[in-house]
């Protein structure tokens, strides 16, 4: 009888750890920060935006362009 109780206890512990691992995998990914493109005003993620020399962020399409009033 003790053998079956120990076996059931081990199965319960294994089931508990299996469920914890499954719950961690279902968690939502972290939200990315968004920044606004200084040229067109569109919001892009920080990781895909490029920072200009002035310190503002630009989207990929406007990364190499200057503002009309900006000197070269």
N, C-alpha and C. Protein backbone atom coordinates (compact mmCIF):
# COMPACT_ATOMS: atom_id res chain seq x y z
N UNK A 1 0.82 -1.19 0.00
CA UNK A 1 0.00 0.00 0.00
C UNK A 1 0.87 1.27 0.00
N UNK A 2 1.93 1.29 0.78
CA UNK A 2 2.83 2.43 0.85
C UNK A 2 3.47 2.69 -0.51
N UNK A 3 3.75 1.64 -1.25
CA UNK A 3 4.35 1.77 -2.58
C UNK A 3 3.42 2.58 -3.50
N UNK A 4 2.12 2.33 -3.44
CA UNK A 4 1.17 3.04 -4.30
C UNK A 4 1.01 4.50 -3.87
N UNK A 5 1.08 4.77 -2.60
CA UNK A 5 0.98 6.14 -2.10
C UNK A 5 2.20 6.94 -2.56
N UNK A 6 3.39 6.35 -2.45
CA UNK A 6 4.61 7.02 -2.91
C UNK A 6 4.59 7.24 -4.42
N UNK A 7 4.11 6.25 -5.16
CA UNK A 7 4.02 6.39 -6.60
C UNK A 7 3.04 7.50 -6.99
N UNK A 8 1.92 7.58 -6.32
CA UNK A 8 0.95 8.64 -6.59
C UNK A 8 1.52 10.01 -6.21
N UNK A 9 2.27 10.08 -5.12
CA UNK A 9 2.90 11.33 -4.71
C UNK A 9 3.93 11.81 -5.73
N UNK A 10 4.75 10.88 -6.23
CA UNK A 10 5.74 11.23 -7.26
C UNK A 10 5.04 11.70 -8.54
N UNK A 11 3.95 11.03 -8.91
CA UNK A 11 3.20 11.42 -10.10
C UNK A 11 2.61 12.82 -9.91
N UNK A 12 2.13 13.12 -8.72
CA UNK A 12 1.56 14.44 -8.44
C UNK A 12 2.63 15.53 -8.53
N UNK A 13 3.81 15.26 -8.00
CA UNK A 13 4.90 16.23 -8.06
C UNK A 13 5.33 16.46 -9.51
N UNK A 14 5.46 15.40 -10.28
CA UNK A 14 5.82 15.54 -11.69
C UNK A 14 4.75 16.33 -12.46
N UNK A 15 3.49 16.05 -12.19
CA UNK A 15 2.40 16.76 -12.83
C UNK A 15 2.43 18.25 -12.46
N UNK A 16 2.73 18.55 -11.21
CA UNK A 16 2.80 19.94 -10.76
C UNK A 16 3.89 20.70 -11.52
N UNK A 17 5.09 20.12 -11.63
CA UNK A 17 6.19 20.78 -12.33
C UNK A 17 5.90 20.90 -13.82
N UNK A 18 5.23 19.92 -14.41
CA UNK A 18 4.86 19.97 -15.82
C UNK A 18 3.89 21.12 -16.08
N UNK A 19 2.92 21.29 -15.17
CA UNK A 19 1.95 22.37 -15.32
C UNK A 19 2.62 23.75 -15.16
N UNK A 20 3.57 23.87 -14.23
CA UNK A 20 4.27 25.14 -14.04
C UNK A 20 5.06 25.50 -15.30
N UNK A 21 5.69 24.52 -15.91
CA UNK A 21 6.45 24.78 -17.13
C UNK A 21 5.53 25.22 -18.26
N UNK A 22 4.36 24.62 -18.36
CA UNK A 22 3.40 25.00 -19.39
C UNK A 22 2.87 26.42 -19.17
N UNK A 23 2.64 26.79 -17.93
CA UNK A 23 2.13 28.13 -17.62
C UNK A 23 3.14 29.20 -17.97
N UNK A 24 4.41 28.94 -17.73
CA UNK A 24 5.44 29.92 -18.05
C UNK A 24 5.55 30.12 -19.55
N UNK A 25 5.33 29.08 -20.33
CA UNK A 25 5.42 29.19 -21.78
C UNK A 25 4.27 30.00 -22.35
N UNK A 26 3.12 30.06 -21.69
CA UNK A 26 1.96 30.78 -22.18
C UNK A 26 1.97 32.26 -21.85
N UNK A 27 2.89 32.72 -21.06
CA UNK A 27 2.92 34.14 -20.68
C UNK A 27 3.11 35.01 -21.91
N UNK A 28 2.54 36.20 -21.85
CA UNK A 28 2.64 37.13 -22.96
C UNK A 28 4.07 37.65 -23.07
N UNK A 29 4.50 37.91 -24.29
CA UNK A 29 5.83 38.52 -24.45
C UNK A 29 5.83 39.96 -23.95
N UNK A 30 6.97 40.44 -23.61
CA UNK A 30 7.08 41.81 -23.12
C UNK A 30 6.71 42.80 -24.22
N UNK A 31 6.06 43.88 -23.87
CA UNK A 31 5.68 44.88 -24.85
C UNK A 31 6.89 45.72 -25.25
N UNK A 32 6.95 46.04 -26.52
CA UNK A 32 8.04 46.87 -27.01
C UNK A 32 7.68 48.34 -26.86
N UNK A 33 8.66 49.14 -26.63
CA UNK A 33 8.45 50.58 -26.56
C UNK A 33 8.35 51.14 -27.98
N UNK A 34 7.45 52.09 -28.15
CA UNK A 34 7.27 52.74 -29.44
C UNK A 34 7.79 54.16 -29.37
N UNK A 35 8.38 54.61 -30.49
CA UNK A 35 8.83 55.99 -30.62
C UNK A 35 8.23 56.55 -31.90
N UNK A 36 8.15 57.86 -31.97
CA UNK A 36 7.55 58.52 -33.13
C UNK A 36 8.64 59.00 -34.08
N UNK A 37 8.45 58.72 -35.36
CA UNK A 37 9.38 59.19 -36.39
C UNK A 37 9.29 60.71 -36.46
N UNK A 38 10.42 61.39 -36.41
CA UNK A 38 10.40 62.86 -36.43
C UNK A 38 10.09 63.41 -37.81
N UNK A 39 10.15 62.59 -38.82
CA UNK A 39 9.88 63.04 -40.20
C UNK A 39 8.41 62.87 -40.59
N UNK A 40 7.86 61.66 -40.40
CA UNK A 40 6.49 61.40 -40.86
C UNK A 40 5.49 61.26 -39.72
N UNK A 41 5.94 61.10 -38.48
CA UNK A 41 5.05 61.00 -37.34
C UNK A 41 4.53 59.60 -37.05
N UNK A 42 4.95 58.61 -37.83
CA UNK A 42 4.50 57.25 -37.62
C UNK A 42 5.22 56.64 -36.41
N UNK A 43 4.49 55.82 -35.66
CA UNK A 43 5.08 55.15 -34.51
C UNK A 43 5.73 53.85 -34.95
N UNK A 44 6.97 53.64 -34.55
CA UNK A 44 7.71 52.42 -34.85
C UNK A 44 8.35 51.93 -33.56
N UNK A 45 8.70 50.65 -33.52
CA UNK A 45 9.33 50.12 -32.32
C UNK A 45 10.75 50.66 -32.19
N UNK A 46 11.24 50.71 -30.98
CA UNK A 46 12.57 51.24 -30.71
C UNK A 46 13.63 50.42 -31.45
N UNK A 47 13.38 49.12 -31.55
CA UNK A 47 14.38 48.24 -32.16
C UNK A 47 14.47 48.42 -33.68
N UNK A 48 13.40 48.85 -34.32
CA UNK A 48 13.45 49.04 -35.77
C UNK A 48 13.70 50.50 -36.16
N UNK A 49 13.63 51.42 -35.22
CA UNK A 49 13.88 52.83 -35.52
C UNK A 49 15.38 53.11 -35.46
N UNK A 50 15.77 54.13 -36.19
CA UNK A 50 17.17 54.56 -36.19
C UNK A 50 17.25 55.94 -35.56
N UNK A 51 18.26 56.15 -34.74
CA UNK A 51 18.41 57.42 -34.05
C UNK A 51 19.31 58.33 -34.87
N UNK A 52 18.86 59.53 -35.11
CA UNK A 52 19.66 60.47 -35.91
C UNK A 52 20.71 61.14 -35.03
N UNK A 53 21.56 61.93 -35.68
CA UNK A 53 22.63 62.63 -34.95
C UNK A 53 22.06 63.63 -33.96
N UNK A 54 20.88 64.18 -34.26
CA UNK A 54 20.25 65.16 -33.37
C UNK A 54 19.62 64.51 -32.15
N UNK A 55 19.46 63.21 -32.18
CA UNK A 55 18.89 62.50 -31.04
C UNK A 55 17.45 62.08 -31.22
N UNK A 56 16.84 62.46 -32.34
CA UNK A 56 15.46 62.04 -32.57
C UNK A 56 15.44 60.73 -33.36
N UNK A 57 14.29 60.08 -33.36
CA UNK A 57 14.17 58.79 -34.01
C UNK A 57 13.56 58.94 -35.39
N UNK A 58 13.99 58.10 -36.31
CA UNK A 58 13.46 58.07 -37.67
C UNK A 58 13.12 56.63 -38.03
N UNK A 59 12.05 56.48 -38.84
CA UNK A 59 11.73 55.14 -39.34
C UNK A 59 12.73 54.78 -40.45
N UNK A 60 12.69 53.56 -40.91
CA UNK A 60 13.64 53.07 -41.91
C UNK A 60 13.56 53.90 -43.20
N UNK A 61 12.35 54.28 -43.61
CA UNK A 61 12.19 55.03 -44.86
C UNK A 61 12.81 56.42 -44.78
N UNK A 62 12.87 57.02 -43.61
CA UNK A 62 13.38 58.38 -43.47
C UNK A 62 14.72 58.46 -42.75
N UNK A 63 15.40 57.37 -42.61
CA UNK A 63 16.64 57.34 -41.82
C UNK A 63 17.73 58.20 -42.45
N UNK A 64 17.83 58.23 -43.75
CA UNK A 64 18.90 58.99 -44.40
C UNK A 64 18.49 60.38 -44.81
N UNK A 65 17.22 60.74 -44.68
CA UNK A 65 16.73 62.05 -45.14
C UNK A 65 16.86 63.09 -44.04
N UNK A 66 17.04 64.32 -44.46
CA UNK A 66 17.11 65.45 -43.56
C UNK A 66 15.81 66.23 -43.66
N UNK A 67 15.44 66.98 -42.62
CA UNK A 67 14.31 67.90 -42.69
C UNK A 67 14.63 69.02 -43.69
N UNK A 68 13.60 69.67 -44.19
CA UNK A 68 13.80 70.75 -45.17
C UNK A 68 14.61 71.90 -44.56
N UNK A 69 14.43 72.15 -43.28
CA UNK A 69 15.14 73.25 -42.63
C UNK A 69 16.47 72.85 -42.03
N UNK A 70 16.79 71.57 -42.06
CA UNK A 70 18.05 71.11 -41.47
C UNK A 70 19.22 71.38 -42.40
N UNK A 71 20.35 71.86 -41.87
CA UNK A 71 21.55 72.02 -42.70
C UNK A 71 22.17 70.66 -43.00
N UNK A 72 22.94 70.60 -44.07
CA UNK A 72 23.60 69.32 -44.42
C UNK A 72 24.60 68.90 -43.43
